[in-house]
Amino acid sequence: RTNFWLIAILLLISCHPSGGPLNYLRP
């Protein structure tokens, strides 16, 4: 039930150095 596009955007942010703490959640 999780939104695909929301997770895709979060993944993209987590791959960029400016994503900060989200980088730890990239996996």
mmCIF file of all heavy atoms, coordinates in Angstrom:
data_MODEL
# 
_entry.id   MODEL 
# 
loop_
_atom_site.group_PDB 
_atom_site.id 
_atom_site.type_symbol 
_atom_site.label_atom_id 
_atom_site.label_alt_id 
_atom_site.label_comp_id 
_atom_site.label_asym_id 
_atom_site.label_entity_id 
_atom_site.label_seq_id 
_atom_site.pdbx_PDB_ins_code 
_atom_site.Cartn_x 
_atom_site.Cartn_y 
_atom_site.Cartn_z 
_atom_site.occupancy 
_atom_site.B_iso_or_equiv 
_atom_site.pdbx_formal_charge 
_atom_site.auth_seq_id 
_atom_site.auth_comp_id 
_atom_site.auth_asym_id 
_atom_site.auth_atom_id 
_atom_site.pdbx_PDB_model_num 
ATOM 1   N N   . ARG A 1 1  ? 0.806  -1.224 0.000   1.00 0.00 ? 1  ARG A N   1 
ATOM 2   C CA  . ARG A 1 1  ? 0.000  0.000  0.000   1.00 0.00 ? 1  ARG A CA  1 
ATOM 3   C C   . ARG A 1 1  ? 0.839  1.274  0.000   1.00 0.00 ? 1  ARG A C   1 
ATOM 4   O O   . ARG A 1 1  ? 0.295  2.369  -0.049  1.00 0.00 ? 1  ARG A O   1 
ATOM 5   C CB  . ARG A 1 1  ? -0.919 0.008  1.225   1.00 0.00 ? 1  ARG A CB  1 
ATOM 6   C CG  . ARG A 1 1  ? -1.933 -1.143 1.241   1.00 0.00 ? 1  ARG A CG  1 
ATOM 7   C CD  . ARG A 1 1  ? -2.980 -0.926 2.308   1.00 0.00 ? 1  ARG A CD  1 
ATOM 8   N NE  . ARG A 1 1  ? -2.400 -0.879 3.644   1.00 0.00 ? 1  ARG A NE  1 
ATOM 9   C CZ  . ARG A 1 1  ? -2.233 -1.927 4.431   1.00 0.00 ? 1  ARG A CZ  1 
ATOM 10  N NH1 . ARG A 1 1  ? -2.587 -3.136 3.999   1.00 0.00 ? 1  ARG A NH1 1 
ATOM 11  N NH2 . ARG A 1 1  ? -1.704 -1.803 5.635   1.00 0.00 ? 1  ARG A NH2 1 
ATOM 12  N N   . THR A 1 2  ? 2.157  1.140  0.060   1.00 0.00 ? 2  THR A N   1 
ATOM 13  C CA  . THR A 1 2  ? 3.027  2.314  0.114   1.00 0.00 ? 2  THR A CA  1 
ATOM 14  C C   . THR A 1 2  ? 3.137  2.964  -1.260  1.00 0.00 ? 2  THR A C   1 
ATOM 15  O O   . THR A 1 2  ? 3.190  2.272  -2.283  1.00 0.00 ? 2  THR A O   1 
ATOM 16  C CB  . THR A 1 2  ? 4.435  1.920  0.612   1.00 0.00 ? 2  THR A CB  1 
ATOM 17  O OG1 . THR A 1 2  ? 4.319  1.302  1.905   1.00 0.00 ? 2  THR A OG1 1 
ATOM 18  C CG2 . THR A 1 2  ? 5.327  3.145  0.730   1.00 0.00 ? 2  THR A CG2 1 
ATOM 19  N N   . ASN A 1 3  ? 3.156  4.289  -1.285  1.00 0.00 ? 3  ASN A N   1 
ATOM 20  C CA  . ASN A 1 3  ? 3.204  5.031  -2.537  1.00 0.00 ? 3  ASN A CA  1 
ATOM 21  C C   . ASN A 1 3  ? 4.573  4.888  -3.213  1.00 0.00 ? 3  ASN A C   1 
ATOM 22  O O   . ASN A 1 3  ? 5.602  5.270  -2.630  1.00 0.00 ? 3  ASN A O   1 
ATOM 23  C CB  . ASN A 1 3  ? 2.894  6.512  -2.288  1.00 0.00 ? 3  ASN A CB  1 
ATOM 24  C CG  . ASN A 1 3  ? 2.780  7.300  -3.574  1.00 0.00 ? 3  ASN A CG  1 
ATOM 25  O OD1 . ASN A 1 3  ? 3.775  7.667  -4.178  1.00 0.00 ? 3  ASN A OD1 1 
ATOM 26  N ND2 . ASN A 1 3  ? 1.552  7.559  -3.994  1.00 0.00 ? 3  ASN A ND2 1 
ATOM 27  N N   . PHE A 1 4  ? 4.578  4.364  -4.417  1.00 0.00 ? 4  PHE A N   1 
ATOM 28  C CA  . PHE A 1 4  ? 5.806  4.128  -5.170  1.00 0.00 ? 4  PHE A CA  1 
ATOM 29  C C   . PHE A 1 4  ? 6.570  5.425  -5.407  1.00 0.00 ? 4  PHE A C   1 
ATOM 30  O O   . PHE A 1 4  ? 7.790  5.492  -5.214  1.00 0.00 ? 4  PHE A O   1 
ATOM 31  C CB  . PHE A 1 4  ? 5.460  3.464  -6.509  1.00 0.00 ? 4  PHE A CB  1 
ATOM 32  C CG  . PHE A 1 4  ? 6.632  3.297  -7.442  1.00 0.00 ? 4  PHE A CG  1 
ATOM 33  C CD1 . PHE A 1 4  ? 7.404  2.157  -7.412  1.00 0.00 ? 4  PHE A CD1 1 
ATOM 34  C CD2 . PHE A 1 4  ? 6.944  4.292  -8.373  1.00 0.00 ? 4  PHE A CD2 1 
ATOM 35  C CE1 . PHE A 1 4  ? 8.485  1.996  -8.277  1.00 0.00 ? 4  PHE A CE1 1 
ATOM 36  C CE2 . PHE A 1 4  ? 8.018  4.143  -9.246  1.00 0.00 ? 4  PHE A CE2 1 
ATOM 37  C CZ  . PHE A 1 4  ? 8.785  2.994  -9.195  1.00 0.00 ? 4  PHE A CZ  1 
ATOM 38  N N   . TRP A 1 5  ? 5.874  6.472  -5.836  1.00 0.00 ? 5  TRP A N   1 
ATOM 39  C CA  . TRP A 1 5  ? 6.533  7.715  -6.221  1.00 0.00 ? 5  TRP A CA  1 
ATOM 40  C C   . TRP A 1 5  ? 7.128  8.440  -5.028  1.00 0.00 ? 5  TRP A C   1 
ATOM 41  O O   . TRP A 1 5  ? 8.171  9.071  -5.142  1.00 0.00 ? 5  TRP A O   1 
ATOM 42  C CB  . TRP A 1 5  ? 5.549  8.605  -6.981  1.00 0.00 ? 5  TRP A CB  1 
ATOM 43  C CG  . TRP A 1 5  ? 5.050  7.939  -8.217  1.00 0.00 ? 5  TRP A CG  1 
ATOM 44  C CD1 . TRP A 1 5  ? 3.798  7.466  -8.454  1.00 0.00 ? 5  TRP A CD1 1 
ATOM 45  C CD2 . TRP A 1 5  ? 5.819  7.615  -9.390  1.00 0.00 ? 5  TRP A CD2 1 
ATOM 46  N NE1 . TRP A 1 5  ? 3.726  6.867  -9.688  1.00 0.00 ? 5  TRP A NE1 1 
ATOM 47  C CE2 . TRP A 1 5  ? 4.945  6.950  -10.282 1.00 0.00 ? 5  TRP A CE2 1 
ATOM 48  C CE3 . TRP A 1 5  ? 7.147  7.820  -9.766  1.00 0.00 ? 5  TRP A CE3 1 
ATOM 49  C CZ2 . TRP A 1 5  ? 5.374  6.494  -11.534 1.00 0.00 ? 5  TRP A CZ2 1 
ATOM 50  C CZ3 . TRP A 1 5  ? 7.566  7.361  -11.001 1.00 0.00 ? 5  TRP A CZ3 1 
ATOM 51  C CH2 . TRP A 1 5  ? 6.693  6.710  -11.873 1.00 0.00 ? 5  TRP A CH2 1 
ATOM 52  N N   . LEU A 1 6  ? 6.482  8.335  -3.874  1.00 0.00 ? 6  LEU A N   1 
ATOM 53  C CA  . LEU A 1 6  ? 7.035  8.933  -2.656  1.00 0.00 ? 6  LEU A CA  1 
ATOM 54  C C   . LEU A 1 6  ? 8.366  8.282  -2.310  1.00 0.00 ? 6  LEU A C   1 
ATOM 55  O O   . LEU A 1 6  ? 9.362  8.971  -2.019  1.00 0.00 ? 6  LEU A O   1 
ATOM 56  C CB  . LEU A 1 6  ? 6.053  8.776  -1.493  1.00 0.00 ? 6  LEU A CB  1 
ATOM 57  C CG  . LEU A 1 6  ? 6.591  9.193  -0.109  1.00 0.00 ? 6  LEU A CG  1 
ATOM 58  C CD1 . LEU A 1 6  ? 6.935  10.675 -0.095  1.00 0.00 ? 6  LEU A CD1 1 
ATOM 59  C CD2 . LEU A 1 6  ? 5.573  8.853  0.975   1.00 0.00 ? 6  LEU A CD2 1 
ATOM 60  N N   . ILE A 1 7  ? 8.409  6.949  -2.364  1.00 0.00 ? 7  ILE A N   1 
ATOM 61  C CA  . ILE A 1 7  ? 9.653  6.234  -2.044  1.00 0.00 ? 7  ILE A CA  1 
ATOM 62  C C   . ILE A 1 7  ? 10.714 6.515  -3.103  1.00 0.00 ? 7  ILE A C   1 
ATOM 63  O O   . ILE A 1 7  ? 11.907 6.653  -2.772  1.00 0.00 ? 7  ILE A O   1 
ATOM 64  C CB  . ILE A 1 7  ? 9.387  4.721  -1.928  1.00 0.00 ? 7  ILE A CB  1 
ATOM 65  C CG1 . ILE A 1 7  ? 8.365  4.443  -0.811  1.00 0.00 ? 7  ILE A CG1 1 
ATOM 66  C CG2 . ILE A 1 7  ? 10.685 3.976  -1.635  1.00 0.00 ? 7  ILE A CG2 1 
ATOM 67  C CD1 . ILE A 1 7  ? 8.786  4.963  0.548   1.00 0.00 ? 7  ILE A CD1 1 
ATOM 68  N N   . ALA A 1 8  ? 10.311 6.632  -4.362  1.00 0.00 ? 8  ALA A N   1 
ATOM 69  C CA  . ALA A 1 8  ? 11.269 6.940  -5.428  1.00 0.00 ? 8  ALA A CA  1 
ATOM 70  C C   . ALA A 1 8  ? 11.918 8.302  -5.187  1.00 0.00 ? 8  ALA A C   1 
ATOM 71  O O   . ALA A 1 8  ? 13.136 8.461  -5.349  1.00 0.00 ? 8  ALA A O   1 
ATOM 72  C CB  . ALA A 1 8  ? 10.567 6.916  -6.784  1.00 0.00 ? 8  ALA A CB  1 
ATOM 73  N N   . ILE A 1 9  ? 11.124 9.283  -4.780  1.00 0.00 ? 9  ILE A N   1 
ATOM 74  C CA  . ILE A 1 9  ? 11.662 10.623 -4.500  1.00 0.00 ? 9  ILE A CA  1 
ATOM 75  C C   . ILE A 1 9  ? 12.600 10.581 -3.304  1.00 0.00 ? 9  ILE A C   1 
ATOM 76  O O   . ILE A 1 9  ? 13.687 11.174 -3.320  1.00 0.00 ? 9  ILE A O   1 
ATOM 77  C CB  . ILE A 1 9  ? 10.508 11.621 -4.260  1.00 0.00 ? 9  ILE A CB  1 
ATOM 78  C CG1 . ILE A 1 9  ? 9.748  11.868 -5.566  1.00 0.00 ? 9  ILE A CG1 1 
ATOM 79  C CG2 . ILE A 1 9  ? 11.040 12.946 -3.704  1.00 0.00 ? 9  ILE A CG2 1 
ATOM 80  C CD1 . ILE A 1 9  ? 8.475  12.659 -5.391  1.00 0.00 ? 9  ILE A CD1 1 
ATOM 81  N N   . LEU A 1 10 ? 12.213 9.851  -2.258  1.00 0.00 ? 10 LEU A N   1 
ATOM 82  C CA  . LEU A 1 10 ? 13.064 9.739  -1.070  1.00 0.00 ? 10 LEU A CA  1 
ATOM 83  C C   . LEU A 1 10 ? 14.378 9.028  -1.406  1.00 0.00 ? 10 LEU A C   1 
ATOM 84  O O   . LEU A 1 10 ? 15.445 9.402  -0.894  1.00 0.00 ? 10 LEU A O   1 
ATOM 85  C CB  . LEU A 1 10 ? 12.325 8.988  0.038   1.00 0.00 ? 10 LEU A CB  1 
ATOM 86  C CG  . LEU A 1 10 ? 11.167 9.748  0.701   1.00 0.00 ? 10 LEU A CG  1 
ATOM 87  C CD1 . LEU A 1 10 ? 10.412 8.832  1.654   1.00 0.00 ? 10 LEU A CD1 1 
ATOM 88  C CD2 . LEU A 1 10 ? 11.687 10.972 1.445   1.00 0.00 ? 10 LEU A CD2 1 
ATOM 89  N N   . LEU A 1 11 ? 14.308 8.028  -2.273  1.00 0.00 ? 11 LEU A N   1 
ATOM 90  C CA  . LEU A 1 11 ? 15.530 7.333  -2.691  1.00 0.00 ? 11 LEU A CA  1 
ATOM 91  C C   . LEU A 1 11 ? 16.457 8.281  -3.448  1.00 0.00 ? 11 LEU A C   1 
ATOM 92  O O   . LEU A 1 11 ? 17.673 8.308  -3.203  1.00 0.00 ? 11 LEU A O   1 
ATOM 93  C CB  . LEU A 1 11 ? 15.176 6.125  -3.563  1.00 0.00 ? 11 LEU A CB  1 
ATOM 94  C CG  . LEU A 1 11 ? 16.370 5.367  -4.178  1.00 0.00 ? 11 LEU A CG  1 
ATOM 95  C CD1 . LEU A 1 11 ? 17.301 4.837  -3.094  1.00 0.00 ? 11 LEU A CD1 1 
ATOM 96  C CD2 . LEU A 1 11 ? 15.882 4.226  -5.072  1.00 0.00 ? 11 LEU A CD2 1 
ATOM 97  N N   . LEU A 1 12 ? 15.894 9.062  -4.345  1.00 0.00 ? 12 LEU A N   1 
ATOM 98  C CA  . LEU A 1 12 ? 16.709 10.012 -5.107  1.00 0.00 ? 12 LEU A CA  1 
ATOM 99  C C   . LEU A 1 12 ? 17.385 11.017 -4.177  1.00 0.00 ? 12 LEU A C   1 
ATOM 100 O O   . LEU A 1 12 ? 18.567 11.325 -4.325  1.00 0.00 ? 12 LEU A O   1 
ATOM 101 C CB  . LEU A 1 12 ? 15.839 10.744 -6.132  1.00 0.00 ? 12 LEU A CB  1 
ATOM 102 C CG  . LEU A 1 12 ? 15.342 9.900  -7.312  1.00 0.00 ? 12 LEU A CG  1 
ATOM 103 C CD1 . LEU A 1 12 ? 14.380 10.714 -8.173  1.00 0.00 ? 12 LEU A CD1 1 
ATOM 104 C CD2 . LEU A 1 12 ? 16.499 9.385  -8.150  1.00 0.00 ? 12 LEU A CD2 1 
ATOM 105 N N   . ILE A 1 13 ? 16.636 11.527 -3.202  1.00 0.00 ? 13 ILE A N   1 
ATOM 106 C CA  . ILE A 1 13 ? 17.212 12.482 -2.244  1.00 0.00 ? 13 ILE A CA  1 
ATOM 107 C C   . ILE A 1 13 ? 18.313 11.820 -1.428  1.00 0.00 ? 13 ILE A C   1 
ATOM 108 O O   . ILE A 1 13 ? 19.374 12.411 -1.182  1.00 0.00 ? 13 ILE A O   1 
ATOM 109 C CB  . ILE A 1 13 ? 16.115 13.042 -1.316  1.00 0.00 ? 13 ILE A CB  1 
ATOM 110 C CG1 . ILE A 1 13 ? 15.110 13.872 -2.121  1.00 0.00 ? 13 ILE A CG1 1 
ATOM 111 C CG2 . ILE A 1 13 ? 16.724 13.895 -0.202  1.00 0.00 ? 13 ILE A CG2 1 
ATOM 112 C CD1 . ILE A 1 13 ? 13.899 14.310 -1.316  1.00 0.00 ? 13 ILE A CD1 1 
ATOM 113 N N   . SER A 1 14 ? 18.083 10.564 -1.029  1.00 0.00 ? 14 SER A N   1 
ATOM 114 C CA  . SER A 1 14 ? 19.059 9.862  -0.186  1.00 0.00 ? 14 SER A CA  1 
ATOM 115 C C   . SER A 1 14 ? 20.345 9.527  -0.926  1.00 0.00 ? 14 SER A C   1 
ATOM 116 O O   . SER A 1 14 ? 21.347 9.181  -0.304  1.00 0.00 ? 14 SER A O   1 
ATOM 117 C CB  . SER A 1 14 ? 18.439 8.576  0.367   1.00 0.00 ? 14 SER A CB  1 
ATOM 118 O OG  . SER A 1 14 ? 18.283 7.596  -0.648  1.00 0.00 ? 14 SER A OG  1 
ATOM 119 N N   . CYS A 1 15 ? 20.324 9.612  -2.266  1.00 0.00 ? 15 CYS A N   1 
ATOM 120 C CA  . CYS A 1 15 ? 21.518 9.332  -3.055  1.00 0.00 ? 15 CYS A CA  1 
ATOM 121 C C   . CYS A 1 15 ? 22.369 10.579 -3.268  1.00 0.00 ? 15 CYS A C   1 
ATOM 122 O O   . CYS A 1 15 ? 23.493 10.477 -3.786  1.00 0.00 ? 15 CYS A O   1 
ATOM 123 C CB  . CYS A 1 15 ? 21.126 8.746  -4.413  1.00 0.00 ? 15 CYS A CB  1 
ATOM 124 S SG  . CYS A 1 15 ? 20.445 7.082  -4.322  1.00 0.00 ? 15 CYS A SG  1 
ATOM 125 N N   . HIS A 1 16 ? 21.860 11.739 -2.902  1.00 0.00 ? 16 HIS A N   1 
ATOM 126 C CA  . HIS A 1 16 ? 22.599 12.983 -3.112  1.00 0.00 ? 16 HIS A CA  1 
ATOM 127 C C   . HIS A 1 16 ? 23.239 13.426 -1.797  1.00 0.00 ? 16 HIS A C   1 
ATOM 128 O O   . HIS A 1 16 ? 22.628 13.297 -0.728  1.00 0.00 ? 16 HIS A O   1 
ATOM 129 C CB  . HIS A 1 16 ? 21.674 14.086 -3.634  1.00 0.00 ? 16 HIS A CB  1 
ATOM 130 C CG  . HIS A 1 16 ? 22.406 15.224 -4.254  1.00 0.00 ? 16 HIS A CG  1 
ATOM 131 N ND1 . HIS A 1 16 ? 22.976 16.233 -3.507  1.00 0.00 ? 16 HIS A ND1 1 
ATOM 132 C CD2 . HIS A 1 16 ? 22.682 15.503 -5.546  1.00 0.00 ? 16 HIS A CD2 1 
ATOM 133 C CE1 . HIS A 1 16 ? 23.566 17.093 -4.312  1.00 0.00 ? 16 HIS A CE1 1 
ATOM 134 N NE2 . HIS A 1 16 ? 23.411 16.678 -5.561  1.00 0.00 ? 16 HIS A NE2 1 
ATOM 135 N N   . PRO A 1 17 ? 24.480 13.922 -1.836  1.00 0.00 ? 17 PRO A N   1 
ATOM 136 C CA  . PRO A 1 17 ? 25.141 14.358 -0.600  1.00 0.00 ? 17 PRO A CA  1 
ATOM 137 C C   . PRO A 1 17 ? 24.329 15.365 0.203   1.00 0.00 ? 17 PRO A C   1 
ATOM 138 O O   . PRO A 1 17 ? 24.415 15.382 1.431   1.00 0.00 ? 17 PRO A O   1 
ATOM 139 C CB  . PRO A 1 17 ? 26.443 14.992 -1.104  1.00 0.00 ? 17 PRO A CB  1 
ATOM 140 C CG  . PRO A 1 17 ? 26.719 14.296 -2.400  1.00 0.00 ? 17 PRO A CG  1 
ATOM 141 C CD  . PRO A 1 17 ? 25.370 14.037 -3.012  1.00 0.00 ? 17 PRO A CD  1 
ATOM 142 N N   . SER A 1 18 ? 23.532 16.176 -0.467  1.00 0.00 ? 18 SER A N   1 
ATOM 143 C CA  . SER A 1 18 ? 22.724 17.162 0.254   1.00 0.00 ? 18 SER A CA  1 
ATOM 144 C C   . SER A 1 18 ? 21.536 16.525 0.960   1.00 0.00 ? 18 SER A C   1 
ATOM 145 O O   . SER A 1 18 ? 20.804 17.202 1.684   1.00 0.00 ? 18 SER A O   1 
ATOM 146 C CB  . SER A 1 18 ? 22.229 18.250 -0.702  1.00 0.00 ? 18 SER A CB  1 
ATOM 147 O OG  . SER A 1 18 ? 21.379 17.693 -1.700  1.00 0.00 ? 18 SER A OG  1 
ATOM 148 N N   . GLY A 1 19 ? 21.335 15.205 0.747   1.00 0.00 ? 19 GLY A N   1 
ATOM 149 C CA  . GLY A 1 19 ? 20.244 14.504 1.420   1.00 0.00 ? 19 GLY A CA  1 
ATOM 150 C C   . GLY A 1 19 ? 20.470 14.335 2.904   1.00 0.00 ? 19 GLY A C   1 
ATOM 151 O O   . GLY A 1 19 ? 19.543 13.961 3.640   1.00 0.00 ? 19 GLY A O   1 
ATOM 152 N N   . GLY A 1 20 ? 21.676 14.578 3.375   1.00 0.00 ? 20 GLY A N   1 
ATOM 153 C CA  . GLY A 1 20 ? 21.971 14.536 4.811   1.00 0.00 ? 20 GLY A CA  1 
ATOM 154 C C   . GLY A 1 20 ? 21.660 13.184 5.427   1.00 0.00 ? 20 GLY A C   1 
ATOM 155 O O   . GLY A 1 20 ? 22.035 12.133 4.889   1.00 0.00 ? 20 GLY A O   1 
ATOM 156 N N   . PRO A 1 21 ? 20.951 13.187 6.561   1.00 0.00 ? 21 PRO A N   1 
ATOM 157 C CA  . PRO A 1 21 ? 20.674 11.929 7.274   1.00 0.00 ? 21 PRO A CA  1 
ATOM 158 C C   . PRO A 1 21 ? 19.919 10.895 6.448   1.00 0.00 ? 21 PRO A C   1 
ATOM 159 O O   . PRO A 1 21 ? 19.991 9.700  6.741   1.00 0.00 ? 21 PRO A O   1 
ATOM 160 C CB  . PRO A 1 21 ? 19.823 12.394 8.471   1.00 0.00 ? 21 PRO A CB  1 
ATOM 161 C CG  . PRO A 1 21 ? 20.221 13.818 8.683   1.00 0.00 ? 21 PRO A CG  1 
ATOM 162 C CD  . PRO A 1 21 ? 20.484 14.363 7.315   1.00 0.00 ? 21 PRO A CD  1 
ATOM 163 N N   . LEU A 1 22 ? 19.192 11.333 5.412   1.00 0.00 ? 22 LEU A N   1 
ATOM 164 C CA  . LEU A 1 22 ? 18.476 10.370 4.577   1.00 0.00 ? 22 LEU A CA  1 
ATOM 165 C C   . LEU A 1 22 ? 19.436 9.412  3.877   1.00 0.00 ? 22 LEU A C   1 
ATOM 166 O O   . LEU A 1 22 ? 19.031 8.331  3.452   1.00 0.00 ? 22 LEU A O   1 
ATOM 167 C CB  . LEU A 1 22 ? 17.616 11.093 3.540   1.00 0.00 ? 22 LEU A CB  1 
ATOM 168 C CG  . LEU A 1 22 ? 16.331 11.762 4.049   1.00 0.00 ? 22 LEU A CG  1 
ATOM 169 C CD1 . LEU A 1 22 ? 15.595 12.435 2.902   1.00 0.00 ? 22 LEU A CD1 1 
ATOM 170 C CD2 . LEU A 1 22 ? 15.425 10.747 4.741   1.00 0.00 ? 22 LEU A CD2 1 
ATOM 171 N N   . ASN A 1 23 ? 20.708 9.800  3.763   1.00 0.00 ? 23 ASN A N   1 
ATOM 172 C CA  . ASN A 1 23 ? 21.701 8.911  3.154   1.00 0.00 ? 23 ASN A CA  1 
ATOM 173 C C   . ASN A 1 23 ? 21.819 7.588  3.909   1.00 0.00 ? 23 ASN A C   1 
ATOM 174 O O   . ASN A 1 23 ? 22.125 6.553  3.305   1.00 0.00 ? 23 ASN A O   1 
ATOM 175 C CB  . ASN A 1 23 ? 23.068 9.598  3.103   1.00 0.00 ? 23 ASN A CB  1 
ATOM 176 C CG  . ASN A 1 23 ? 23.212 10.552 1.927   1.00 0.00 ? 23 ASN A CG  1 
ATOM 177 O OD1 . ASN A 1 23 ? 23.739 10.190 0.888   1.00 0.00 ? 23 ASN A OD1 1 
ATOM 178 N ND2 . ASN A 1 23 ? 22.733 11.766 2.101   1.00 0.00 ? 23 ASN A ND2 1 
ATOM 179 N N   . TYR A 1 24 ? 21.597 7.628  5.206   1.00 0.00 ? 24 TYR A N   1 
ATOM 180 C CA  . TYR A 1 24 ? 21.687 6.390  5.984   1.00 0.00 ? 24 TYR A CA  1 
ATOM 181 C C   . TYR A 1 24 ? 20.520 5.446  5.684   1.00 0.00 ? 24 TYR A C   1 
ATOM 182 O O   . TYR A 1 24 ? 20.612 4.239  5.933   1.00 0.00 ? 24 TYR A O   1 
ATOM 183 C CB  . TYR A 1 24 ? 21.709 6.713  7.482   1.00 0.00 ? 24 TYR A CB  1 
ATOM 184 C CG  . TYR A 1 24 ? 22.913 7.522  7.901   1.00 0.00 ? 24 TYR A CG  1 
ATOM 185 C CD1 . TYR A 1 24 ? 22.765 8.814  8.402   1.00 0.00 ? 24 TYR A CD1 1 
ATOM 186 C CD2 . TYR A 1 24 ? 24.201 7.013  7.773   1.00 0.00 ? 24 TYR A CD2 1 
ATOM 187 C CE1 . TYR A 1 24 ? 23.861 9.562  8.783   1.00 0.00 ? 24 TYR A CE1 1 
ATOM 188 C CE2 . TYR A 1 24 ? 25.306 7.755  8.144   1.00 0.00 ? 24 TYR A CE2 1 
ATOM 189 C CZ  . TYR A 1 24 ? 25.137 9.038  8.645   1.00 0.00 ? 24 TYR A CZ  1 
ATOM 190 O OH  . TYR A 1 24 ? 26.233 9.785  9.009   1.00 0.00 ? 24 TYR A OH  1 
ATOM 191 N N   . LEU A 1 25 ? 19.429 6.001  5.161   1.00 0.00 ? 25 LEU A N   1 
ATOM 192 C CA  . LEU A 1 25 ? 18.236 5.197  4.873   1.00 0.00 ? 25 LEU A CA  1 
ATOM 193 C C   . LEU A 1 25 ? 18.160 4.762  3.419   1.00 0.00 ? 25 LEU A C   1 
ATOM 194 O O   . LEU A 1 25 ? 17.194 4.108  3.017   1.00 0.00 ? 25 LEU A O   1 
ATOM 195 C CB  . LEU A 1 25 ? 16.978 5.992  5.234   1.00 0.00 ? 25 LEU A CB  1 
ATOM 196 C CG  . LEU A 1 25 ? 16.847 6.389  6.708   1.00 0.00 ? 25 LEU A CG  1 
ATOM 197 C CD1 . LEU A 1 25 ? 15.591 7.237  6.922   1.00 0.00 ? 25 LEU A CD1 1 
ATOM 198 C CD2 . LEU A 1 25 ? 16.824 5.160  7.608   1.00 0.00 ? 25 LEU A CD2 1 
ATOM 199 N N   . ARG A 1 26 ? 19.173 5.113  2.622   1.00 0.00 ? 26 ARG A N   1 
ATOM 200 C CA  . ARG A 1 26 ? 19.178 4.765  1.204   1.00 0.00 ? 26 ARG A CA  1 
ATOM 201 C C   . ARG A 1 26 ? 18.942 3.268  0.961   1.00 0.00 ? 26 ARG A C   1 
ATOM 202 O O   . ARG A 1 26 ? 18.139 2.912  0.081   1.00 0.00 ? 26 ARG A O   1 
ATOM 203 C CB  . ARG A 1 26 ? 20.501 5.198  0.568   1.00 0.00 ? 26 ARG A CB  1 
ATOM 204 C CG  . ARG A 1 26 ? 20.604 4.921  -0.916  1.00 0.00 ? 26 ARG A CG  1 
ATOM 205 C CD  . ARG A 1 26 ? 21.884 5.496  -1.508  1.00 0.00 ? 26 ARG A CD  1 
ATOM 206 N NE  . ARG A 1 26 ? 23.082 4.925  -0.880  1.00 0.00 ? 26 ARG A NE  1 
ATOM 207 C CZ  . ARG A 1 26 ? 23.884 5.578  -0.048  1.00 0.00 ? 26 ARG A CZ  1 
ATOM 208 N NH1 . ARG A 1 26 ? 23.641 6.824  0.289   1.00 0.00 ? 26 ARG A NH1 1 
ATOM 209 N NH2 . ARG A 1 26 ? 24.950 4.980  0.473   1.00 0.00 ? 26 ARG A NH2 1 
ATOM 210 N N   . PRO A 1 27 ? 19.578 2.365  1.699   1.00 0.00 ? 27 PRO A N   1 
ATOM 211 C CA  . PRO A 1 27 ? 19.336 0.936  1.450   1.00 0.00 ? 27 PRO A CA  1 
ATOM 212 C C   . PRO A 1 27 ? 17.876 0.548  1.635   1.00 0.00 ? 27 PRO A C   1 
ATOM 213 O O   . PRO A 1 27 ? 17.359 -0.294 0.894   1.00 0.00 ? 27 PRO A O   1 
ATOM 214 C CB  . PRO A 1 27 ? 20.231 0.249  2.485   1.00 0.00 ? 27 PRO A CB  1 
ATOM 215 C CG  . PRO A 1 27 ? 21.287 1.248  2.810   1.00 0.00 ? 27 PRO A CG  1 
ATOM 216 C CD  . PRO A 1 27 ? 20.604 2.571  2.744   1.00 0.00 ? 27 PRO A CD  1 
# 
